[in-house]
């Protein structure tokens, strides 16, 4: 990567509270262009809150969030245009086909019908959805629906992709296929990815890991360095002080 290239995401000193509950506490992290970064933490760690701030569902009143050089508070339009999101809860219209879902999302981002059709066909080929474009979302398997959601998130060519627990509820084969697919897109399209998960099996030794616990970043380093000769799960348990059963829940 060109050292002068603008990072896909920069978060500096972001905190967020819900009343007296501190959900995030001085969180900072950076995702380089074309990098895969795992945001690792158990349920309640603050991962979804952080995603909600990056996507402007919540307003960050402290710190700074910059997407591809655009300050999210000062220039929300250009910042959000660089962003694609796959939320933990399904965002596709189940009564529409994949093609109709992608066309609607493309129109929201200003693509004309011809551009949307061309982009849909290209993404369908890349994601293995070409034979399914005319199928209603309600008739898709879990893995197919996740791939369709990724296609929807990428239809407007964002440079940053957020995925919140994308493998939750998928069987082992679908999980592996989805992870391989996203890693391939990082390599081929130089899309920056923030992959939020509580599943250690989602991650590889070469991944960069941001460990989030109780709203604080406890580690920001390579998975193999974090593991320190042991396993990533062992390092996680040591740093967080939680039990194995809680970590696996």
Protein backbone atom coordinates (compact mmCIF):
# COMPACT_ATOMS: atom_id res chain seq x y z
CA UNK A 1 0.00 0.00 0.00
CA UNK A 2 1.17 3.55 -0.76
CA UNK A 3 2.23 5.06 2.57
CA UNK A 4 0.58 8.32 1.52
CA UNK A 5 -2.79 6.70 0.88
CA UNK A 6 -5.69 7.97 2.97
CA UNK A 7 -6.79 5.47 5.64
CA UNK A 8 -10.21 3.90 5.19
CA UNK A 9 -11.12 4.80 8.79
CA UNK A 10 -9.61 6.78 11.64
CA UNK A 11 -11.24 6.91 15.07
CA UNK A 12 -9.65 9.11 17.72
CA UNK A 13 -10.70 9.43 21.36
CA UNK A 14 -14.35 8.47 20.91
CA UNK A 15 -16.50 7.93 24.01
CA UNK A 16 -20.23 7.36 24.28
CA UNK A 17 -22.67 6.92 27.16
CA UNK A 18 -26.26 5.87 27.58
CA UNK A 19 -27.24 7.78 30.71
CA UNK A 20 -24.91 6.54 33.44
CA UNK A 21 -23.70 3.58 31.37
CA UNK A 22 -20.35 4.13 29.65
CA UNK A 23 -20.61 2.17 26.38
CA UNK A 24 -17.34 3.40 24.85
CA UNK A 25 -14.38 4.93 26.65
CA UNK A 26 -11.72 6.82 24.66
CA UNK A 27 -11.69 4.44 21.70
CA UNK A 28 -9.09 4.96 18.97
CA UNK A 29 -8.24 2.78 15.97
CA UNK A 30 -7.14 3.06 12.34
CA UNK A 31 -7.93 0.91 9.30
CA UNK A 32 -5.59 1.34 6.36
CA UNK A 33 -6.94 1.26 2.83
CA UNK A 34 -7.26 -2.38 1.77
CA UNK A 35 -6.79 -3.76 5.30
CA UNK A 36 -8.83 -6.40 7.15
CA UNK A 37 -9.21 -5.49 10.83
CA UNK A 38 -11.12 -7.61 13.33
CA UNK A 39 -12.99 -5.87 16.14
CA UNK A 40 -13.06 -8.65 18.73
CA UNK A 41 -15.28 -8.57 21.80
CA UNK A 42 -18.07 -10.41 23.56
CA UNK A 43 -21.68 -9.25 23.35
CA UNK A 44 -21.96 -5.96 25.21
CA UNK A 45 -18.35 -4.94 24.57
CA UNK A 46 -19.43 -1.86 22.60
CA UNK A 47 -18.98 -3.13 19.03
CA UNK A 48 -22.51 -2.29 17.86
CA UNK A 49 -22.38 1.11 19.60
CA UNK A 50 -19.18 1.90 17.71
CA UNK A 51 -20.78 0.85 14.42
CA UNK A 52 -23.79 3.03 15.22
CA UNK A 53 -21.49 6.02 15.66
CA UNK A 54 -19.59 5.34 12.43
CA UNK A 55 -22.88 5.07 10.51
CA UNK A 56 -24.39 8.17 12.20
CA UNK A 57 -27.23 6.26 13.83
CA UNK A 58 -25.79 7.92 16.93
CA UNK A 59 -23.94 11.24 16.95
CA UNK A 60 -20.42 11.22 18.38
CA UNK A 61 -20.13 14.14 20.77
CA UNK A 62 -16.55 13.33 21.75
CA UNK A 63 -13.51 12.44 19.71
CA UNK A 64 -13.31 12.27 15.93
CA UNK A 65 -14.36 9.79 13.24
CA UNK A 66 -12.88 10.18 9.76
CA UNK A 67 -13.91 8.00 6.79
CA UNK A 68 -11.55 8.22 3.80
CA UNK A 69 -10.43 11.67 4.86
CA UNK A 70 -13.96 13.01 5.51
CA UNK A 71 -14.78 14.09 9.06
CA UNK A 72 -18.07 12.41 9.89
CA UNK A 73 -19.52 15.34 11.83
CA UNK A 74 -18.37 18.09 9.47
CA UNK A 75 -18.97 16.25 6.16
CA UNK A 76 -21.42 13.41 6.85
CA UNK A 77 -22.57 13.08 3.23
CA UNK A 78 -19.16 12.43 1.66
CA UNK A 79 -18.12 10.26 4.62
CA UNK A 80 -21.18 8.02 4.44
CA UNK A 81 -20.86 7.74 0.66
CA UNK A 82 -17.55 5.93 1.24
CA UNK A 83 -19.18 3.46 3.63
CA UNK A 84 -20.91 0.11 3.16
CA UNK A 85 -22.52 -1.69 6.10
CA UNK A 86 -23.69 -5.21 6.87
CA UNK A 87 -25.58 -5.02 10.15
CA UNK A 88 -26.09 -7.97 12.48
CA UNK A 89 -29.84 -7.75 11.89
CA UNK A 90 -31.00 -8.34 8.32
CA UNK A 91 -31.43 -5.16 6.26
CA UNK A 92 -32.76 -6.61 3.00
CA UNK A 93 -36.46 -6.45 2.09
CA UNK A 94 -37.51 -10.10 2.30
CA UNK A 95 -40.39 -9.63 -0.16
CA UNK A 96 -38.13 -8.30 -2.93
CA UNK A 97 -35.62 -10.16 -5.08
CA UNK A 98 -31.89 -9.66 -4.70
CA UNK A 99 -31.87 -7.63 -7.92
CA UNK A 100 -34.67 -5.37 -6.65
CA UNK A 101 -32.92 -4.84 -3.31
CA UNK A 102 -29.68 -3.85 -5.02
CA UNK A 103 -31.46 -1.56 -7.49
CA UNK A 104 -33.21 0.26 -4.65
CA UNK A 105 -29.98 0.72 -2.68
CA UNK A 106 -28.13 1.87 -5.80
CA UNK A 107 -30.81 4.49 -6.47
CA UNK A 108 -30.43 5.81 -2.92
CA UNK A 109 -26.75 6.44 -3.72
CA UNK A 110 -27.45 8.19 -6.99
CA UNK A 111 -26.66 5.43 -9.50
CA UNK A 112 -28.81 5.46 -12.62
CA UNK A 113 -30.57 2.30 -13.81
CA UNK A 114 -27.84 1.32 -16.27
CA UNK A 115 -25.06 1.81 -13.69
CA UNK A 116 -27.04 -0.12 -11.10
CA UNK A 117 -27.66 -3.03 -13.47
CA UNK A 118 -23.99 -3.21 -14.49
CA UNK A 119 -22.82 -3.07 -10.89
CA UNK A 120 -25.38 -5.68 -9.80
CA UNK A 121 -24.25 -8.16 -12.44
CA UNK A 122 -20.59 -7.64 -11.58
CA UNK A 123 -21.15 -8.11 -7.84
CA UNK A 124 -23.38 -11.13 -8.41
CA UNK A 125 -20.63 -12.79 -10.41
CA UNK A 126 -18.01 -11.98 -7.77
CA UNK A 127 -20.20 -13.17 -4.88
CA UNK A 128 -21.67 -16.25 -6.51
CA UNK A 129 -25.17 -14.82 -6.77
CA UNK A 130 -25.71 -14.71 -10.54
CA UNK A 131 -28.22 -17.58 -10.51
CA UNK A 132 -30.08 -16.07 -7.56
CA UNK A 133 -30.66 -12.46 -8.62
CA UNK A 134 -34.32 -13.11 -9.42
CA UNK A 135 -35.00 -14.97 -6.19
CA UNK A 136 -36.86 -13.37 -3.28
CA UNK A 137 -34.74 -12.80 -0.20
CA UNK A 138 -37.24 -14.81 1.88
CA UNK A 139 -36.26 -17.91 -0.15
CA UNK A 140 -32.50 -17.60 0.44
CA UNK A 141 -30.37 -19.64 2.82
CA UNK A 142 -28.53 -17.83 5.61
CA UNK A 143 -25.25 -17.81 3.69
CA UNK A 144 -26.91 -16.63 0.48
CA UNK A 145 -28.66 -13.82 2.33
CA UNK A 146 -25.38 -12.68 3.90
CA UNK A 147 -23.71 -12.58 0.48
CA UNK A 148 -26.66 -10.59 -0.86
CA UNK A 149 -26.28 -8.12 2.01
CA UNK A 150 -22.60 -7.71 1.18
CA UNK A 151 -23.56 -7.05 -2.44
CA UNK A 152 -26.05 -4.41 -1.30
CA UNK A 153 -23.39 -2.80 0.90
CA UNK A 154 -20.90 -2.67 -1.99
CA UNK A 155 -23.16 -1.63 -4.86
CA UNK A 156 -22.14 2.06 -4.63
CA UNK A 157 -18.39 1.21 -4.52
CA UNK A 158 -17.56 2.24 -0.94
CA UNK A 159 -13.96 2.11 0.25
CA UNK A 160 -14.84 0.99 3.79
CA UNK A 161 -16.98 -2.03 4.64
CA UNK A 162 -18.35 -2.60 8.15
CA UNK A 163 -19.63 -6.05 9.09
CA UNK A 164 -21.29 -6.58 12.48
CA UNK A 165 -21.20 -10.28 13.53
CA UNK A 166 -21.59 -11.34 9.88
CA UNK A 167 -21.16 -15.08 10.54
CA UNK A 168 -23.62 -15.28 13.44
CA UNK A 169 -26.20 -17.99 12.82
CA UNK A 170 -24.38 -19.51 9.84
CA UNK A 171 -23.19 -23.10 9.65
CA UNK A 172 -19.46 -23.84 9.56
CA UNK A 173 -19.18 -24.11 5.78
CA UNK A 174 -21.13 -20.88 5.19
CA UNK A 175 -18.96 -19.09 7.76
CA UNK A 176 -15.74 -20.22 6.09
CA UNK A 177 -17.04 -19.31 2.63
CA UNK A 178 -18.08 -15.84 3.78
CA UNK A 179 -14.77 -15.13 5.49
CA UNK A 180 -12.82 -16.25 2.42
CA UNK A 181 -15.04 -14.12 0.20
CA UNK A 182 -14.45 -10.93 2.21
CA UNK A 183 -10.72 -11.56 2.48
CA UNK A 184 -10.61 -11.99 -1.30
CA UNK A 185 -12.35 -8.65 -1.81
CA UNK A 186 -9.83 -6.96 0.47
CA UNK A 187 -7.02 -8.29 -1.71
CA UNK A 188 -8.65 -7.67 -5.10
CA UNK A 189 -10.52 -4.40 -4.52
CA UNK A 190 -8.46 -2.78 -1.72
CA UNK A 191 -11.58 -2.29 0.39
CA UNK A 192 -10.89 -1.54 4.06
CA UNK A 193 -12.85 -3.90 6.31
CA UNK A 194 -13.84 -3.69 9.97
CA UNK A 195 -15.14 -7.15 10.92
CA UNK A 196 -16.84 -7.18 14.33
CA UNK A 197 -17.08 -10.60 15.95
CA UNK A 198 -17.02 -12.55 19.18
CA UNK A 199 -15.98 -15.75 17.38
CA UNK A 200 -12.28 -16.59 17.59
CA UNK A 201 -12.64 -19.02 14.67
CA UNK A 202 -13.40 -16.08 12.36
CA UNK A 203 -9.83 -14.85 12.70
CA UNK A 204 -6.48 -15.95 11.29
CA UNK A 205 -2.93 -15.51 12.62
CA UNK A 206 -2.15 -12.77 10.09
CA UNK A 207 -5.19 -10.63 10.97
CA UNK A 208 -4.95 -7.33 12.80
CA UNK A 209 -7.07 -7.39 15.95
CA UNK A 210 -8.62 -4.60 17.99
CA UNK A 211 -9.77 -6.15 21.27
CA UNK A 212 -12.70 -4.21 22.72
CA UNK A 213 -13.96 -4.95 26.23
CA UNK A 214 -16.41 -2.93 28.32
CA UNK A 215 -16.04 -0.09 25.86
CA UNK A 216 -12.24 0.12 26.04
CA UNK A 217 -9.55 -0.98 23.60
CA UNK A 218 -7.35 -3.49 25.44
CA UNK A 219 -5.18 -4.46 22.46
CA UNK A 220 -4.52 -3.19 18.93
CA UNK A 221 -2.02 -5.52 17.25
CA UNK A 222 -1.51 -8.55 15.06
CA UNK A 223 -3.31 -11.72 16.12
CA UNK A 224 -0.10 -13.74 16.35
CA UNK A 225 1.55 -11.05 18.50
CA UNK A 226 -1.52 -10.84 20.70
CA UNK A 227 -1.60 -14.63 21.09
CA UNK A 228 2.04 -14.55 22.19
CA UNK A 229 2.78 -18.20 21.52
CA UNK A 230 -0.57 -19.40 22.83
CA UNK A 231 -4.02 -19.09 21.33
CA UNK A 232 -5.98 -15.95 20.64
CA UNK A 233 -8.68 -17.15 23.01
CA UNK A 234 -6.16 -17.59 25.83
CA UNK A 235 -4.87 -14.06 25.30
CA UNK A 236 -8.42 -12.74 25.24
CA UNK A 237 -9.29 -14.44 28.53
CA UNK A 238 -6.11 -13.18 30.15
CA UNK A 239 -6.64 -9.56 29.13
CA UNK A 240 -10.38 -9.40 29.89
CA UNK A 241 -10.42 -11.57 33.00
CA UNK A 242 -13.63 -13.28 31.91
CA UNK A 243 -14.35 -17.00 31.98
CA UNK A 244 -14.10 -19.38 29.04
CA UNK A 245 -17.87 -20.01 29.13
CA UNK A 246 -18.67 -16.30 28.89
CA UNK A 247 -16.22 -15.81 26.02
CA UNK A 248 -17.81 -18.66 24.06
CA UNK A 249 -21.42 -17.57 24.71
